[in-house]
PDB file of N, CA and C in Angstrom:
ATOM      1  N   ILE A   1      22.431 -31.824 -56.966  1.00  0.00           N
ATOM      2  CA  ILE A   1      21.966 -33.547 -56.934  1.00  0.00           C
ATOM      3  C   ILE A   1      20.754 -33.301 -57.840  1.00  0.00           C
ATOM      4  N   ILE A   2      19.796 -32.596 -57.132  1.00  0.00           N
ATOM      5  CA  ILE A   2      18.750 -32.328 -57.439  1.00  0.00           C
ATOM      6  C   ILE A   2      18.476 -32.312 -59.688  1.00  0.00           C
ATOM      7  N   GLN A   3      19.640 -31.847 -59.892  1.00  0.00           N
ATOM      8  CA  GLN A   3      19.631 -31.578 -61.228  1.00  0.00           C
ATOM      9  C   GLN A   3      19.828 -33.030 -62.177  1.00  0.00           C
ATOM     10  N   THR A   4      20.618 -33.658 -61.396  1.00  0.00           N
ATOM     11  CA  THR A   4      21.073 -34.963 -61.772  1.00  0.00           C
ATOM     12  C   THR A   4      19.786 -35.754 -61.697  1.00  0.00           C
ATOM     13  N   LEU A   5      18.748 -35.498 -60.316  1.00  0.00           N
ATOM     14  CA  LEU A   5      18.189 -36.648 -60.506  1.00  0.00           C
ATOM     15  C   LEU A   5      17.106 -36.184 -61.466  1.00  0.00           C
ATOM     16  N   LEU A   6      16.790 -34.945 -61.447  1.00  0.00           N
ATOM     17  CA  LEU A   6      15.769 -34.928 -62.688  1.00  0.00           C
ATOM     18  C   LEU A   6      16.338 -35.020 -64.153  1.00  0.00           C
ATOM     19  N   GLU A   7      17.840 -35.119 -64.649  1.00  0.00           N
ATOM     20  CA  GLU A   7      18.109 -35.740 -65.458  1.00  0.00           C
ATOM     21  C   GLU A   7      17.946 -36.774 -65.829  1.00  0.00           C
ATOM     22  N   HIS A   8      17.635 -37.781 -64.920  1.00  0.00           N
ATOM     23  CA  HIS A   8      17.945 -39.221 -64.511  1.00  0.00           C
ATOM     24  C   HIS A   8      16.468 -39.296 -64.409  1.00  0.00           C
ATOM     25  N   GLY A   9      15.136 -38.577 -64.249  1.00  0.00           N
ATOM     26  CA  GLY A   9      13.557 -39.100 -64.350  1.00  0.00           C
ATOM     27  C   GLY A   9      13.345 -39.446 -63.525  1.00  0.00           C
ATOM     28  N   ALA A  10      13.765 -38.560 -62.153  1.00  0.00           N
ATOM     29  CA  ALA A  10      12.676 -38.418 -61.081  1.00  0.00           C
ATOM     30  C   ALA A  10      12.021 -38.037 -61.735  1.00  0.00           C
ATOM     31  N   ASP A  11      10.867 -38.414 -60.585  1.00  0.00           N
ATOM     32  CA  ASP A  11       9.301 -38.402 -60.129  1.00  0.00           C
ATOM     33  C   ASP A  11       9.320 -37.334 -59.355  1.00  0.00           C
ATOM     34  N   ILE A  12       9.181 -35.782 -59.938  1.00  0.00           N
ATOM     35  CA  ILE A  12       9.385 -34.483 -58.765  1.00  0.00           C
ATOM     36  C   ILE A  12       7.530 -34.177 -58.608  1.00  0.00           C
ATOM     37  N   SER A  13       6.607 -35.089 -58.770  1.00  0.00           N
ATOM     38  CA  SER A  13       5.465 -35.291 -58.202  1.00  0.00           C
ATOM     39  C   SER A  13       4.730 -35.769 -57.514  1.00  0.00           C
ATOM     40  N   GLN A  14       6.231 -36.950 -56.751  1.00  0.00           N
ATOM     41  CA  GLN A  14       5.956 -38.045 -55.894  1.00  0.00           C
ATOM     42  C   GLN A  14       5.232 -37.164 -54.417  1.00  0.00           C
ATOM     43  N   LYS A  15       4.607 -37.574 -54.032  1.00  0.00           N
ATOM     44  CA  LYS A  15       4.661 -37.240 -52.821  1.00  0.00           C
ATOM     45  C   LYS A  15       4.478 -37.867 -51.512  1.00  0.00           C
ATOM     46  N   ASP A  16       4.743 -37.854 -50.515  1.00  0.00           N
ATOM     47  CA  ASP A  16       5.510 -37.754 -49.021  1.00  0.00           C
ATOM     48  C   ASP A  16       4.347 -38.762 -48.668  1.00  0.00           C
ATOM     49  N   ASN A  17       4.059 -38.928 -47.225  1.00  0.00           N
ATOM     50  CA  ASN A  17       3.015 -39.641 -46.446  1.00  0.00           C
ATOM     51  C   ASN A  17       2.562 -38.249 -46.000  1.00  0.00           C
ATOM     52  N   HIS A  18       3.035 -37.219 -46.145  1.00  0.00           N
ATOM     53  CA  HIS A  18       2.129 -35.953 -45.079  1.00  0.00           C
ATOM     54  C   HIS A  18       1.509 -35.174 -47.045  1.00  0.00           C
ATOM     55  N   GLY A  19       1.670 -35.619 -47.989  1.00  0.00           N
ATOM     56  CA  GLY A  19       1.014 -35.200 -48.745  1.00  0.00           C
ATOM     57  C   GLY A  19       2.089 -33.831 -49.477  1.00  0.00           C
ATOM     58  N   GLU A  20       3.438 -33.980 -49.289  1.00  0.00           N
ATOM     59  CA  GLU A  20       4.246 -33.318 -49.467  1.00  0.00           C
ATOM     60  C   GLU A  20       5.086 -33.374 -50.978  1.00  0.00           C
ATOM     61  N   THR A  21       5.195 -32.623 -51.942  1.00  0.00           N
ATOM     62  CA  THR A  21       6.259 -32.908 -52.943  1.00  0.00           C
ATOM     63  C   THR A  21       7.552 -32.342 -52.693  1.00  0.00           C
ATOM     64  N   ALA A  22       8.410 -32.716 -53.556  1.00  0.00           N
ATOM     65  CA  ALA A  22       9.922 -32.033 -53.596  1.00  0.00           C
ATOM     66  C   ALA A  22       9.730 -29.935 -53.510  1.00  0.00           C
ATOM     67  N   LEU A  23       8.858 -29.649 -54.242  1.00  0.00           N
ATOM     68  CA  LEU A  23       8.628 -28.197 -54.291  1.00  0.00           C
ATOM     69  C   LEU A  23       8.389 -27.898 -52.915  1.00  0.00           C
ATOM     70  N   HIS A  24       7.402 -28.185 -52.111  1.00  0.00           N
ATOM     71  CA  HIS A  24       7.102 -28.356 -50.721  1.00  0.00           C
ATOM     72  C   HIS A  24       7.991 -28.278 -49.608  1.00  0.00           C
ATOM     73  N   TYR A  25       8.394 -29.054 -49.996  1.00  0.00           N
ATOM     74  CA  TYR A  25      10.001 -28.509 -49.118  1.00  0.00           C
ATOM     75  C   TYR A  25      11.073 -27.738 -49.380  1.00  0.00           C
ATOM     76  N   ALA A  26      11.070 -27.279 -50.202  1.00  0.00           N
ATOM     77  CA  ALA A  26      12.106 -26.659 -51.290  1.00  0.00           C
ATOM     78  C   ALA A  26      10.675 -24.788 -50.862  1.00  0.00           C
ATOM     79  N   ALA A  27      10.425 -24.576 -51.025  1.00  0.00           N
ATOM     80  CA  ALA A  27       9.667 -23.258 -50.664  1.00  0.00           C
ATOM     81  C   ALA A  27       9.548 -23.344 -48.956  1.00  0.00           C
ATOM     82  N   ARG A  28       9.495 -24.044 -48.491  1.00  0.00           N
ATOM     83  CA  ARG A  28       9.569 -24.182 -46.974  1.00  0.00           C
ATOM     84  C   ARG A  28      10.988 -23.643 -46.566  1.00  0.00           C
ATOM     85  N   GLY A  29      11.862 -24.508 -47.133  1.00  0.00           N
ATOM     86  CA  GLY A  29      12.864 -24.398 -46.781  1.00  0.00           C
ATOM     87  C   GLY A  29      13.560 -23.307 -47.271  1.00  0.00           C
ATOM     88  N   ARG A  30      12.970 -22.581 -47.948  1.00  0.00           N
ATOM     89  CA  ARG A  30      12.968 -21.446 -48.948  1.00  0.00           C
ATOM     90  C   ARG A  30      15.077 -20.935 -49.638  1.00  0.00           C
ATOM     91  N   ASP A  31      14.567 -22.247 -50.270  1.00  0.00           N
ATOM     92  CA  ASP A  31      15.682 -22.411 -51.481  1.00  0.00           C
ATOM     93  C   ASP A  31      15.553 -22.233 -52.663  1.00  0.00           C
ATOM     94  N   ILE A  32      15.708 -20.851 -52.799  1.00  0.00           N
ATOM     95  CA  ILE A  32      15.523 -20.753 -53.982  1.00  0.00           C
ATOM     96  C   ILE A  32      16.279 -21.365 -55.516  1.00  0.00           C
ATOM     97  N   PHE A  33      17.452 -21.959 -55.193  1.00  0.00           N
ATOM     98  CA  PHE A  33      17.984 -22.396 -56.269  1.00  0.00           C
ATOM     99  C   PHE A  33      17.034 -23.756 -56.479  1.00  0.00           C
ATOM    100  N   ILE A  34      16.511 -24.985 -55.851  1.00  0.00           N
ATOM    101  CA  ILE A  34      16.284 -25.722 -55.680  1.00  0.00           C
ATOM    102  C   ILE A  34      14.670 -25.307 -56.203  1.00  0.00           C
ATOM    103  N   VAL A  35      13.611 -24.315 -55.299  1.00  0.00           N
ATOM    104  CA  VAL A  35      12.560 -24.138 -56.298  1.00  0.00           C
ATOM    105  C   VAL A  35      12.966 -23.952 -57.573  1.00  0.00           C
ATOM    106  N   GLN A  36      13.039 -23.328 -57.901  1.00  0.00           N
ATOM    107  CA  GLN A  36      13.327 -22.800 -59.527  1.00  0.00           C
ATOM    108  C   GLN A  36      13.757 -24.018 -60.571  1.00  0.00           C
ATOM    109  N   THR A  37      14.902 -24.633 -60.023  1.00  0.00           N
ATOM    110  CA  THR A  37      15.131 -26.149 -60.716  1.00  0.00           C
ATOM    111  C   THR A  37      14.021 -26.826 -60.482  1.00  0.00           C
ATOM    112  N   LEU A  38      13.398 -27.020 -59.808  1.00  0.00           N
ATOM    113  CA  LEU A  38      12.061 -28.057 -59.878  1.00  0.00           C
ATOM    114  C   LEU A  38      10.722 -27.746 -60.532  1.00  0.00           C
ATOM    115  N   LEU A  39      10.889 -26.373 -60.682  1.00  0.00           N
ATOM    116  CA  LEU A  39       9.504 -25.060 -61.730  1.00  0.00           C
ATOM    117  C   LEU A  39       9.920 -25.502 -62.901  1.00  0.00           C
ATOM    118  N   GLU A  40      11.420 -24.958 -63.070  1.00  0.00           N
ATOM    119  CA  GLU A  40      12.398 -25.538 -64.738  1.00  0.00           C
ATOM    120  C   GLU A  40      12.008 -27.101 -65.391  1.00  0.00           C
ATOM    121  N   GLY A  41      12.118 -28.097 -64.327  1.00  0.00           N
ATOM    122  CA  GLY A  41      11.867 -29.369 -64.030  1.00  0.00           C
ATOM    123  C   GLY A  41      10.250 -29.640 -64.650  1.00  0.00           C
ATOM    124  N   GLY A  42       9.360 -28.966 -63.966  1.00  0.00           N
ATOM    125  CA  GLY A  42       7.450 -28.953 -64.564  1.00  0.00           C
ATOM    126  C   GLY A  42       7.014 -29.392 -63.211  1.00  0.00           C
ATOM    127  N   ALA A  43       7.531 -29.359 -62.222  1.00  0.00           N
ATOM    128  CA  ALA A  43       6.819 -29.488 -60.989  1.00  0.00           C
ATOM    129  C   ALA A  43       5.206 -28.636 -60.987  1.00  0.00           C
ATOM    130  N   ASP A  44       4.740 -29.362 -60.483  1.00  0.00           N
ATOM    131  CA  ASP A  44       3.023 -28.677 -60.652  1.00  0.00           C
ATOM    132  C   ASP A  44       3.029 -27.995 -59.078  1.00  0.00           C
ATOM    133  N   THR A  45       2.812 -26.298 -59.428  1.00  0.00           N
ATOM    134  CA  THR A  45       2.815 -25.724 -57.998  1.00  0.00           C
ATOM    135  C   THR A  45       1.333 -25.731 -57.554  1.00  0.00           C
ATOM    136  N   SER A  46       0.665 -26.550 -58.005  1.00  0.00           N
ATOM    137  CA  SER A  46      -1.088 -26.266 -57.742  1.00  0.00           C
ATOM    138  C   SER A  46      -1.327 -27.793 -57.002  1.00  0.00           C
ATOM    139  N   GLN A  47       0.422 -29.041 -56.488  1.00  0.00           N
ATOM    140  CA  GLN A  47      -0.653 -30.056 -55.956  1.00  0.00           C
ATOM    141  C   GLN A  47      -0.619 -29.389 -54.467  1.00  0.00           C
ATOM    142  N   LYS A  48      -1.632 -30.089 -54.021  1.00  0.00           N
ATOM    143  CA  LYS A  48      -1.695 -30.097 -52.273  1.00  0.00           C
ATOM    144  C   LYS A  48      -1.638 -31.029 -51.269  1.00  0.00           C
ATOM    145  N   ASP A  49      -0.919 -30.176 -50.325  1.00  0.00           N
ATOM    146  CA  ASP A  49      -0.685 -31.557 -48.887  1.00  0.00           C
ATOM    147  C   ASP A  49      -1.837 -31.859 -48.543  1.00  0.00           C
ATOM    148  N   LYS A  50      -1.502 -33.173 -47.141  1.00  0.00           N
ATOM    149  CA  LYS A  50      -2.535 -33.034 -46.707  1.00  0.00           C
ATOM    150  C   LYS A  50      -3.699 -31.831 -45.857  1.00  0.00           C
ATOM    151  N   HIS A  51      -3.282 -30.810 -46.198  1.00  0.00           N
ATOM    152  CA  HIS A  51      -3.920 -29.711 -45.678  1.00  0.00           C
ATOM    153  C   HIS A  51      -4.287 -28.889 -45.761  1.00  0.00           C
ATOM    154  N   GLY A  52      -4.136 -28.837 -47.420  1.00  0.00           N
ATOM    155  CA  GLY A  52      -4.930 -28.175 -48.564  1.00  0.00           C
ATOM    156  C   GLY A  52      -3.898 -26.981 -48.860  1.00  0.00           C
ATOM    157  N   GLU A  53      -2.502 -26.892 -48.371  1.00  0.00           N
ATOM    158  CA  GLU A  53      -1.667 -26.522 -48.703  1.00  0.00           C
ATOM    159  C   GLU A  53      -0.659 -26.669 -50.251  1.00  0.00           C
ATOM    160  N   THR A  54      -0.812 -25.577 -51.014  1.00  0.00           N
ATOM    161  CA  THR A  54       0.441 -25.810 -52.341  1.00  0.00           C
ATOM    162  C   THR A  54       1.434 -25.411 -51.386  1.00  0.00           C
ATOM    163  N   ALA A  55       2.937 -25.374 -52.583  1.00  0.00           N
ATOM    164  CA  ALA A  55       4.764 -24.775 -51.989  1.00  0.00           C
ATOM    165  C   ALA A  55       3.770 -23.704 -52.067  1.00  0.00           C
ATOM    166  N   LEU A  56       3.249 -22.948 -52.843  1.00  0.00           N
ATOM    167  CA  LEU A  56       2.928 -21.799 -52.284  1.00  0.00           C
ATOM    168  C   LEU A  56       2.855 -20.715 -51.245  1.00  0.00           C
ATOM    169  N   HIS A  57       1.884 -21.464 -50.684  1.00  0.00           N
ATOM    170  CA  HIS A  57       1.440 -21.283 -49.448  1.00  0.00           C
ATOM    171  C   HIS A  57       2.359 -21.183 -48.220  1.00  0.00           C
ATOM    172  N   TYR A  58       3.758 -22.269 -48.468  1.00  0.00           N
ATOM    173  CA  TYR A  58       4.818 -22.183 -47.925  1.00  0.00           C
ATOM    174  C   TYR A  58       6.360 -20.961 -48.273  1.00  0.00           C
ATOM    175  N   ALA A  59       5.871 -20.708 -49.722  1.00  0.00           N
ATOM    176  CA  ALA A  59       6.744 -19.631 -49.788  1.00  0.00           C
ATOM    177  C   ALA A  59       7.348 -18.095 -49.393  1.00  0.00           C
TER     178      ALA A  59
END
C-alpha cells in the first residue's frame, strides 16, 4: 500500500496532530520495509515531532 501511495503522490512529509510523520510511526513500529520505502521516496529524517524527536530517535 505504501508504494502505491507514493506512486500517486502522497505527501510523506505530512504531520499529524502530534507532529509525527509516517516515518516516525514506521521507525517506532520497527517496520524496516516501510522505513526503507519512505526513505527511498524522499522522507526527511530531520523532521521533528512536538517533543523535538526525529524518526531516528524512535528507531
